[in-house]
Amino acid sequence: CLAADDGPKFTDDGRLLKPENYREWVWLSSGLGMSY
């Protein structure tokens, strides 16, 4: 159940819902000045 709950969710018209709890997910990295 946990694994299934962290996958993408969509609106009825196919838009991706922003994950509400993404800040509780696995943090991979932070960069400084890398926005391109």
ModelCIF file with pLDDT and N, C-alpha, C, O atoms, coordinates in Angstrom:
data_MODEL
#
_entry.id   MODEL 
#
_entity.id                         1 
_entity.type                       polymer 
_entity.pdbx_number_of_molecules   1 
#
_entity_poly.entity_id                      1 
_entity_poly.type                           'polypeptide(L)' 
_entity_poly.nstd_linkage                   no 
_entity_poly.nstd_monomer                   no 
_entity_poly.pdbx_seq_one_letter_code       CLAADDGPKFTDDGRLLKPENYREWVWLSSGLGMSY 
_entity_poly.pdbx_seq_one_letter_code_can   CLAADDGPKFTDDGRLLKPENYREWVWLSSGLGMSY 
_entity_poly.pdbx_strand_id                 A 
#
loop_
_entity_poly_seq.entity_id 
_entity_poly_seq.num 
_entity_poly_seq.mon_id 
_entity_poly_seq.hetero 
1 1  CYS n 
1 2  LEU n 
1 3  ALA n 
1 4  ALA n 
1 5  ASP n 
1 6  ASP n 
1 7  GLY n 
1 8  PRO n 
1 9  LYS n 
1 10 PHE n 
1 11 THR n 
1 12 ASP n 
1 13 ASP n 
1 14 GLY n 
1 15 ARG n 
1 16 LEU n 
1 17 LEU n 
1 18 LYS n 
1 19 PRO n 
1 20 GLU n 
1 21 ASN n 
1 22 TYR n 
1 23 ARG n 
1 24 GLU n 
1 25 TRP n 
1 26 VAL n 
1 27 TRP n 
1 28 LEU n 
1 29 SER n 
1 30 SER n 
1 31 GLY n 
1 32 LEU n 
1 33 GLY n 
1 34 MET n 
1 35 SER n 
1 36 TYR n 
#
_struct_asym.id          A 
_struct_asym.entity_id   1 
#
loop_
_ma_qa_metric.id 
_ma_qa_metric.mode 
_ma_qa_metric.name 
_ma_qa_metric.software_group_id 
_ma_qa_metric.type 
1 global pLDDT . pLDDT 
2 local  pLDDT . pLDDT 
#
_ma_qa_metric_global.metric_id      1 
_ma_qa_metric_global.metric_value   86.39 
_ma_qa_metric_global.model_id       1 
_ma_qa_metric_global.ordinal_id     1 
#
loop_
_ma_qa_metric_local.label_asym_id 
_ma_qa_metric_local.label_comp_id 
_ma_qa_metric_local.label_seq_id 
_ma_qa_metric_local.metric_id 
_ma_qa_metric_local.metric_value 
_ma_qa_metric_local.model_id 
_ma_qa_metric_local.ordinal_id 
A CYS 1  2 41.00 1 1  
A LEU 2  2 42.00 1 2  
A ALA 3  2 48.00 1 3  
A ALA 4  2 54.00 1 4  
A ASP 5  2 84.00 1 5  
A ASP 6  2 92.00 1 6  
A GLY 7  2 93.00 1 7  
A PRO 8  2 96.00 1 8  
A LYS 9  2 96.00 1 9  
A PHE 10 2 96.00 1 10 
A THR 11 2 96.00 1 11 
A ASP 12 2 96.00 1 12 
A ASP 13 2 95.00 1 13 
A GLY 14 2 93.00 1 14 
A ARG 15 2 97.00 1 15 
A LEU 16 2 97.00 1 16 
A LEU 17 2 97.00 1 17 
A LYS 18 2 97.00 1 18 
A PRO 19 2 95.00 1 19 
A GLU 20 2 90.00 1 20 
A ASN 21 2 94.00 1 21 
A TYR 22 2 96.00 1 22 
A ARG 23 2 94.00 1 23 
A GLU 24 2 96.00 1 24 
A TRP 25 2 97.00 1 25 
A VAL 26 2 97.00 1 26 
A TRP 27 2 96.00 1 27 
A LEU 28 2 97.00 1 28 
A SER 29 2 94.00 1 29 
A SER 30 2 91.00 1 30 
A GLY 31 2 90.00 1 31 
A LEU 32 2 90.00 1 32 
A GLY 33 2 87.00 1 33 
A MET 34 2 82.00 1 34 
A SER 35 2 54.00 1 35 
A TYR 36 2 60.00 1 36 
#
loop_
_atom_site.group_PDB 
_atom_site.id 
_atom_site.type_symbol 
_atom_site.label_atom_id 
_atom_site.label_alt_id 
_atom_site.label_comp_id 
_atom_site.label_asym_id 
_atom_site.label_entity_id 
_atom_site.label_seq_id 
_atom_site.pdbx_PDB_ins_code 
_atom_site.Cartn_x 
_atom_site.Cartn_y 
_atom_site.Cartn_z 
_atom_site.occupancy 
_atom_site.B_iso_or_equiv 
_atom_site.pdbx_formal_charge 
_atom_site.auth_seq_id 
_atom_site.auth_comp_id 
_atom_site.auth_asym_id 
_atom_site.auth_atom_id 
_atom_site.pdbx_PDB_model_num 
ATOM 1   N N  . CYS A 1 1  ? 0.838  -1.207 0.000   1.00 41.00 ? 1  CYS A N  1 
ATOM 2   C CA . CYS A 1 1  ? 0.000  0.000  0.000   1.00 41.00 ? 1  CYS A CA 1 
ATOM 3   C C  . CYS A 1 1  ? 0.867  1.249  0.000   1.00 41.00 ? 1  CYS A C  1 
ATOM 4   O O  . CYS A 1 1  ? 0.578  2.216  -0.705  1.00 41.00 ? 1  CYS A O  1 
ATOM 5   N N  . LEU A 1 2  ? 1.931  1.223  0.795   1.00 42.00 ? 2  LEU A N  1 
ATOM 6   C CA . LEU A 1 2  ? 2.828  2.366  0.847   1.00 42.00 ? 2  LEU A CA 1 
ATOM 7   C C  . LEU A 1 2  ? 3.430  2.634  -0.527  1.00 42.00 ? 2  LEU A C  1 
ATOM 8   O O  . LEU A 1 2  ? 3.451  3.773  -0.992  1.00 42.00 ? 2  LEU A O  1 
ATOM 9   N N  . ALA A 1 3  ? 3.909  1.597  -1.159  1.00 48.00 ? 3  ALA A N  1 
ATOM 10  C CA . ALA A 1 3  ? 4.544  1.757  -2.463  1.00 48.00 ? 3  ALA A CA 1 
ATOM 11  C C  . ALA A 1 3  ? 3.556  2.287  -3.492  1.00 48.00 ? 3  ALA A C  1 
ATOM 12  O O  . ALA A 1 3  ? 3.912  3.136  -4.309  1.00 48.00 ? 3  ALA A O  1 
ATOM 13  N N  . ALA A 1 4  ? 2.329  1.802  -3.463  1.00 54.00 ? 4  ALA A N  1 
ATOM 14  C CA . ALA A 1 4  ? 1.328  2.220  -4.442  1.00 54.00 ? 4  ALA A CA 1 
ATOM 15  C C  . ALA A 1 4  ? 0.926  3.676  -4.221  1.00 54.00 ? 4  ALA A C  1 
ATOM 16  O O  . ALA A 1 4  ? 0.533  4.354  -5.171  1.00 54.00 ? 4  ALA A O  1 
ATOM 17  N N  . ASP A 1 5  ? 1.015  4.163  -3.003  1.00 84.00 ? 5  ASP A N  1 
ATOM 18  C CA . ASP A 1 5  ? 0.575  5.518  -2.697  1.00 84.00 ? 5  ASP A CA 1 
ATOM 19  C C  . ASP A 1 5  ? 1.540  6.602  -3.152  1.00 84.00 ? 5  ASP A C  1 
ATOM 20  O O  . ASP A 1 5  ? 1.166  7.773  -3.197  1.00 84.00 ? 5  ASP A O  1 
ATOM 21  N N  . ASP A 1 6  ? 2.771  6.241  -3.490  1.00 92.00 ? 6  ASP A N  1 
ATOM 22  C CA . ASP A 1 6  ? 3.708  7.292  -3.849  1.00 92.00 ? 6  ASP A CA 1 
ATOM 23  C C  . ASP A 1 6  ? 3.869  7.463  -5.369  1.00 92.00 ? 6  ASP A C  1 
ATOM 24  O O  . ASP A 1 6  ? 4.742  8.204  -5.822  1.00 92.00 ? 6  ASP A O  1 
ATOM 25  N N  . GLY A 1 7  ? 3.050  6.796  -6.128  1.00 93.00 ? 7  GLY A N  1 
ATOM 26  C CA . GLY A 1 7  ? 3.094  6.946  -7.578  1.00 93.00 ? 7  GLY A CA 1 
ATOM 27  C C  . GLY A 1 7  ? 2.330  8.180  -8.022  1.00 93.00 ? 7  GLY A C  1 
ATOM 28  O O  . GLY A 1 7  ? 1.693  8.845  -7.205  1.00 93.00 ? 7  GLY A O  1 
ATOM 29  N N  . PRO A 1 8  ? 2.388  8.489  -9.306  1.00 96.00 ? 8  PRO A N  1 
ATOM 30  C CA . PRO A 1 8  ? 1.702  9.675  -9.812  1.00 96.00 ? 8  PRO A CA 1 
ATOM 31  C C  . PRO A 1 8  ? 0.186  9.545  -9.722  1.00 96.00 ? 8  PRO A C  1 
ATOM 32  O O  . PRO A 1 8  ? -0.378 8.456  -9.827  1.00 96.00 ? 8  PRO A O  1 
ATOM 33  N N  . LYS A 1 9  ? -0.445 10.684 -9.525  1.00 96.00 ? 9  LYS A N  1 
ATOM 34  C CA . LYS A 1 9  ? -1.906 10.763 -9.509  1.00 96.00 ? 9  LYS A CA 1 
ATOM 35  C C  . LYS A 1 9  ? -2.302 11.864 -10.486 1.00 96.00 ? 9  LYS A C  1 
ATOM 36  O O  . LYS A 1 9  ? -1.598 12.861 -10.648 1.00 96.00 ? 9  LYS A O  1 
ATOM 37  N N  . PHE A 1 10 ? -3.451 11.657 -11.134 1.00 96.00 ? 10 PHE A N  1 
ATOM 38  C CA . PHE A 1 10 ? -3.877 12.564 -12.200 1.00 96.00 ? 10 PHE A CA 1 
ATOM 39  C C  . PHE A 1 10 ? -5.298 13.064 -11.961 1.00 96.00 ? 10 PHE A C  1 
ATOM 40  O O  . PHE A 1 10 ? -6.095 12.409 -11.288 1.00 96.00 ? 10 PHE A O  1 
ATOM 41  N N  . THR A 1 11 ? -5.602 14.228 -12.519 1.00 96.00 ? 11 THR A N  1 
ATOM 42  C CA . THR A 1 11 ? -6.968 14.737 -12.512 1.00 96.00 ? 11 THR A CA 1 
ATOM 43  C C  . THR A 1 11 ? -7.756 13.961 -13.562 1.00 96.00 ? 11 THR A C  1 
ATOM 44  O O  . THR A 1 11 ? -7.176 13.214 -14.350 1.00 96.00 ? 11 THR A O  1 
ATOM 45  N N  . ASP A 1 12 ? -9.064 14.136 -13.574 1.00 96.00 ? 12 ASP A N  1 
ATOM 46  C CA . ASP A 1 12 ? -9.906 13.457 -14.559 1.00 96.00 ? 12 ASP A CA 1 
ATOM 47  C C  . ASP A 1 12 ? -9.537 13.820 -15.999 1.00 96.00 ? 12 ASP A C  1 
ATOM 48  O O  . ASP A 1 12 ? -9.733 13.024 -16.917 1.00 96.00 ? 12 ASP A O  1 
ATOM 49  N N  . ASP A 1 13 ? -8.999 15.036 -16.187 1.00 95.00 ? 13 ASP A N  1 
ATOM 50  C CA . ASP A 1 13 ? -8.621 15.449 -17.548 1.00 95.00 ? 13 ASP A CA 1 
ATOM 51  C C  . ASP A 1 13 ? -7.141 15.189 -17.857 1.00 95.00 ? 13 ASP A C  1 
ATOM 52  O O  . ASP A 1 13 ? -6.611 15.737 -18.824 1.00 95.00 ? 13 ASP A O  1 
ATOM 53  N N  . GLY A 1 14 ? -6.466 14.358 -17.043 1.00 93.00 ? 14 GLY A N  1 
ATOM 54  C CA . GLY A 1 14 ? -5.116 13.905 -17.352 1.00 93.00 ? 14 GLY A CA 1 
ATOM 55  C C  . GLY A 1 14 ? -3.977 14.780 -16.872 1.00 93.00 ? 14 GLY A C  1 
ATOM 56  O O  . GLY A 1 14 ? -2.828 14.548 -17.248 1.00 93.00 ? 14 GLY A O  1 
ATOM 57  N N  . ARG A 1 15 ? -4.263 15.776 -16.055 1.00 97.00 ? 15 ARG A N  1 
ATOM 58  C CA . ARG A 1 15 ? -3.194 16.632 -15.513 1.00 97.00 ? 15 ARG A CA 1 
ATOM 59  C C  . ARG A 1 15 ? -2.552 15.935 -14.313 1.00 97.00 ? 15 ARG A C  1 
ATOM 60  O O  . ARG A 1 15 ? -3.245 15.307 -13.512 1.00 97.00 ? 15 ARG A O  1 
ATOM 61  N N  . LEU A 1 16 ? -1.230 16.047 -14.193 1.00 97.00 ? 16 LEU A N  1 
ATOM 62  C CA . LEU A 1 16 ? -0.514 15.466 -13.066 1.00 97.00 ? 16 LEU A CA 1 
ATOM 63  C C  . LEU A 1 16 ? -0.782 16.286 -11.811 1.00 97.00 ? 16 LEU A C  1 
ATOM 64  O O  . LEU A 1 16 ? -0.626 17.507 -11.815 1.00 97.00 ? 16 LEU A O  1 
ATOM 65  N N  . LEU A 1 17 ? -1.182 15.621 -10.752 1.00 97.00 ? 17 LEU A N  1 
ATOM 66  C CA . LEU A 1 17 ? -1.352 16.298 -9.473  1.00 97.00 ? 17 LEU A CA 1 
ATOM 67  C C  . LEU A 1 17 ? 0.002  16.448 -8.794  1.00 97.00 ? 17 LEU A C  1 
ATOM 68  O O  . LEU A 1 17 ? 0.795  15.507 -8.761  1.00 97.00 ? 17 LEU A O  1 
ATOM 69  N N  . LYS A 1 18 ? 0.262  17.636 -8.254  1.00 97.00 ? 18 LYS A N  1 
ATOM 70  C CA . LYS A 1 18 ? 1.506  17.856 -7.527  1.00 97.00 ? 18 LYS A CA 1 
ATOM 71  C C  . LYS A 1 18 ? 1.470  16.994 -6.263  1.00 97.00 ? 18 LYS A C  1 
ATOM 72  O O  . LYS A 1 18 ? 0.534  17.106 -5.472  1.00 97.00 ? 18 LYS A O  1 
ATOM 73  N N  . PRO A 1 19 ? 2.470  16.139 -6.063  1.00 95.00 ? 19 PRO A N  1 
ATOM 74  C CA . PRO A 1 19 ? 2.466  15.310 -4.855  1.00 95.00 ? 19 PRO A CA 1 
ATOM 75  C C  . PRO A 1 19 ? 2.517  16.196 -3.604  1.00 95.00 ? 19 PRO A C  1 
ATOM 76  O O  . PRO A 1 19 ? 3.437  16.996 -3.432  1.00 95.00 ? 19 PRO A O  1 
ATOM 77  N N  . GLU A 1 20 ? 1.532  16.041 -2.752  1.00 90.00 ? 20 GLU A N  1 
ATOM 78  C CA . GLU A 1 20 ? 1.457  16.885 -1.563  1.00 90.00 ? 20 GLU A CA 1 
ATOM 79  C C  . GLU A 1 20 ? 2.602  16.634 -0.595  1.00 90.00 ? 20 GLU A C  1 
ATOM 80  O O  . GLU A 1 20 ? 3.055  17.551 0.089   1.00 90.00 ? 20 GLU A O  1 
ATOM 81  N N  . ASN A 1 21 ? 3.067  15.404 -0.538  1.00 94.00 ? 21 ASN A N  1 
ATOM 82  C CA . ASN A 1 21 ? 4.066  15.049 0.471   1.00 94.00 ? 21 ASN A CA 1 
ATOM 83  C C  . ASN A 1 21 ? 5.458  14.824 -0.119  1.00 94.00 ? 21 ASN A C  1 
ATOM 84  O O  . ASN A 1 21 ? 6.257  14.091 0.463   1.00 94.00 ? 21 ASN A O  1 
ATOM 85  N N  . TYR A 1 22 ? 5.761  15.435 -1.252  1.00 96.00 ? 22 TYR A N  1 
ATOM 86  C CA . TYR A 1 22 ? 7.047  15.155 -1.910  1.00 96.00 ? 22 TYR A CA 1 
ATOM 87  C C  . TYR A 1 22 ? 8.239  15.470 -1.019  1.00 96.00 ? 22 TYR A C  1 
ATOM 88  O O  . TYR A 1 22 ? 9.299  14.865 -1.184  1.00 96.00 ? 22 TYR A O  1 
ATOM 89  N N  . ARG A 1 23 ? 8.098  16.398 -0.082  1.00 94.00 ? 23 ARG A N  1 
ATOM 90  C CA . ARG A 1 23 ? 9.214  16.731 0.798   1.00 94.00 ? 23 ARG A CA 1 
ATOM 91  C C  . ARG A 1 23 ? 9.492  15.621 1.816   1.00 94.00 ? 23 ARG A C  1 
ATOM 92  O O  . ARG A 1 23 ? 10.489 15.674 2.536   1.00 94.00 ? 23 ARG A O  1 
ATOM 93  N N  . GLU A 1 24 ? 8.617  14.627 1.874   1.00 96.00 ? 24 GLU A N  1 
ATOM 94  C CA . GLU A 1 24 ? 8.847  13.450 2.720   1.00 96.00 ? 24 GLU A CA 1 
ATOM 95  C C  . GLU A 1 24 ? 9.459  12.311 1.903   1.00 96.00 ? 24 GLU A C  1 
ATOM 96  O O  . GLU A 1 24 ? 9.752  11.248 2.451   1.00 96.00 ? 24 GLU A O  1 
ATOM 97  N N  . TRP A 1 25 ? 9.651  12.521 0.615   1.00 97.00 ? 25 TRP A N  1 
ATOM 98  C CA . TRP A 1 25 ? 10.242 11.514 -0.254  1.00 97.00 ? 25 TRP A CA 1 
ATOM 99  C C  . TRP A 1 25 ? 11.753 11.479 -0.054  1.00 97.00 ? 25 TRP A C  1 
ATOM 100 O O  . TRP A 1 25 ? 12.290 12.170 0.813   1.00 97.00 ? 25 TRP A O  1 
ATOM 101 N N  . VAL A 1 26 ? 12.426 10.679 -0.853  1.00 97.00 ? 26 VAL A N  1 
ATOM 102 C CA . VAL A 1 26 ? 13.875 10.557 -0.765  1.00 97.00 ? 26 VAL A CA 1 
ATOM 103 C C  . VAL A 1 26 ? 14.508 11.779 -1.426  1.00 97.00 ? 26 VAL A C  1 
ATOM 104 O O  . VAL A 1 26 ? 14.279 12.069 -2.600  1.00 97.00 ? 26 VAL A O  1 
ATOM 105 N N  . TRP A 1 27 ? 15.309 12.482 -0.631  1.00 96.00 ? 27 TRP A N  1 
ATOM 106 C CA . TRP A 1 27 ? 16.043 13.637 -1.150  1.00 96.00 ? 27 TRP A CA 1 
ATOM 107 C C  . TRP A 1 27 ? 17.280 13.108 -1.851  1.00 96.00 ? 27 TRP A C  1 
ATOM 108 O O  . TRP A 1 27 ? 18.048 12.356 -1.249  1.00 96.00 ? 27 TRP A O  1 
ATOM 109 N N  . LEU A 1 28 ? 17.496 13.479 -3.111  1.00 97.00 ? 28 LEU A N  1 
ATOM 110 C CA . LEU A 1 28 ? 18.635 12.998 -3.876  1.00 97.00 ? 28 LEU A CA 1 
ATOM 111 C C  . LEU A 1 28 ? 19.804 13.964 -3.878  1.00 97.00 ? 28 LEU A C  1 
ATOM 112 O O  . LEU A 1 28 ? 20.960 13.547 -3.806  1.00 97.00 ? 28 LEU A O  1 
ATOM 113 N N  . SER A 1 29 ? 19.508 15.254 -3.961  1.00 94.00 ? 29 SER A N  1 
ATOM 114 C CA . SER A 1 29 ? 20.595 16.213 -4.047  1.00 94.00 ? 29 SER A CA 1 
ATOM 115 C C  . SER A 1 29 ? 20.055 17.635 -4.013  1.00 94.00 ? 29 SER A C  1 
ATOM 116 O O  . SER A 1 29 ? 18.875 17.877 -4.267  1.00 94.00 ? 29 SER A O  1 
ATOM 117 N N  . SER A 1 30 ? 20.933 18.557 -3.698  1.00 91.00 ? 30 SER A N  1 
ATOM 118 C CA . SER A 1 30 ? 20.666 19.985 -3.861  1.00 91.00 ? 30 SER A CA 1 
ATOM 119 C C  . SER A 1 30 ? 21.799 20.561 -4.684  1.00 91.00 ? 30 SER A C  1 
ATOM 120 O O  . SER A 1 30 ? 22.953 20.158 -4.542  1.00 91.00 ? 30 SER A O  1 
ATOM 121 N N  . GLY A 1 31 ? 21.465 21.498 -5.536  1.00 90.00 ? 31 GLY A N  1 
ATOM 122 C CA . GLY A 1 31 ? 22.480 22.181 -6.329  1.00 90.00 ? 31 GLY A CA 1 
ATOM 123 C C  . GLY A 1 31 ? 22.349 23.673 -6.101  1.00 90.00 ? 31 GLY A C  1 
ATOM 124 O O  . GLY A 1 31 ? 21.283 24.157 -5.720  1.00 90.00 ? 31 GLY A O  1 
ATOM 125 N N  . LEU A 1 32 ? 23.404 24.387 -6.328  1.00 90.00 ? 32 LEU A N  1 
ATOM 126 C CA . LEU A 1 32 ? 23.407 25.836 -6.194  1.00 90.00 ? 32 LEU A CA 1 
ATOM 127 C C  . LEU A 1 32 ? 23.790 26.429 -7.539  1.00 90.00 ? 32 LEU A C  1 
ATOM 128 O O  . LEU A 1 32 ? 24.884 26.178 -8.044  1.00 90.00 ? 32 LEU A O  1 
ATOM 129 N N  . GLY A 1 33 ? 22.889 27.216 -8.120  1.00 87.00 ? 33 GLY A N  1 
ATOM 130 C CA . GLY A 1 33 ? 23.161 27.875 -9.389  1.00 87.00 ? 33 GLY A CA 1 
ATOM 131 C C  . GLY A 1 33 ? 23.014 26.956 -10.588 1.00 87.00 ? 33 GLY A C  1 
ATOM 132 O O  . GLY A 1 33 ? 23.491 27.285 -11.674 1.00 87.00 ? 33 GLY A O  1 
ATOM 133 N N  . MET A 1 34 ? 22.363 25.807 -10.416 1.00 82.00 ? 34 MET A N  1 
ATOM 134 C CA . MET A 1 34 ? 22.242 24.842 -11.511 1.00 82.00 ? 34 MET A CA 1 
ATOM 135 C C  . MET A 1 34 ? 20.965 25.003 -12.319 1.00 82.00 ? 34 MET A C  1 
ATOM 136 O O  . MET A 1 34 ? 20.785 24.294 -13.310 1.00 82.00 ? 34 MET A O  1 
ATOM 137 N N  . SER A 1 35 ? 20.082 25.897 -11.939 1.00 54.00 ? 35 SER A N  1 
ATOM 138 C CA . SER A 1 35 ? 18.838 26.069 -12.670 1.00 54.00 ? 35 SER A CA 1 
ATOM 139 C C  . SER A 1 35 ? 19.152 26.577 -14.063 1.00 54.00 ? 35 SER A C  1 
ATOM 140 O O  . SER A 1 35 ? 19.852 27.577 -14.225 1.00 54.00 ? 35 SER A O  1 
ATOM 141 N N  . TYR A 1 36 ? 18.630 25.883 -15.076 1.00 60.00 ? 36 TYR A N  1 
ATOM 142 C CA . TYR A 1 36 ? 18.997 26.214 -16.454 1.00 60.00 ? 36 TYR A CA 1 
ATOM 143 C C  . TYR A 1 36 ? 17.791 26.523 -17.315 1.00 60.00 ? 36 TYR A C  1 
ATOM 144 O O  . TYR A 1 36 ? 17.939 26.820 -18.500 1.00 60.00 ? 36 TYR A O  1 
#
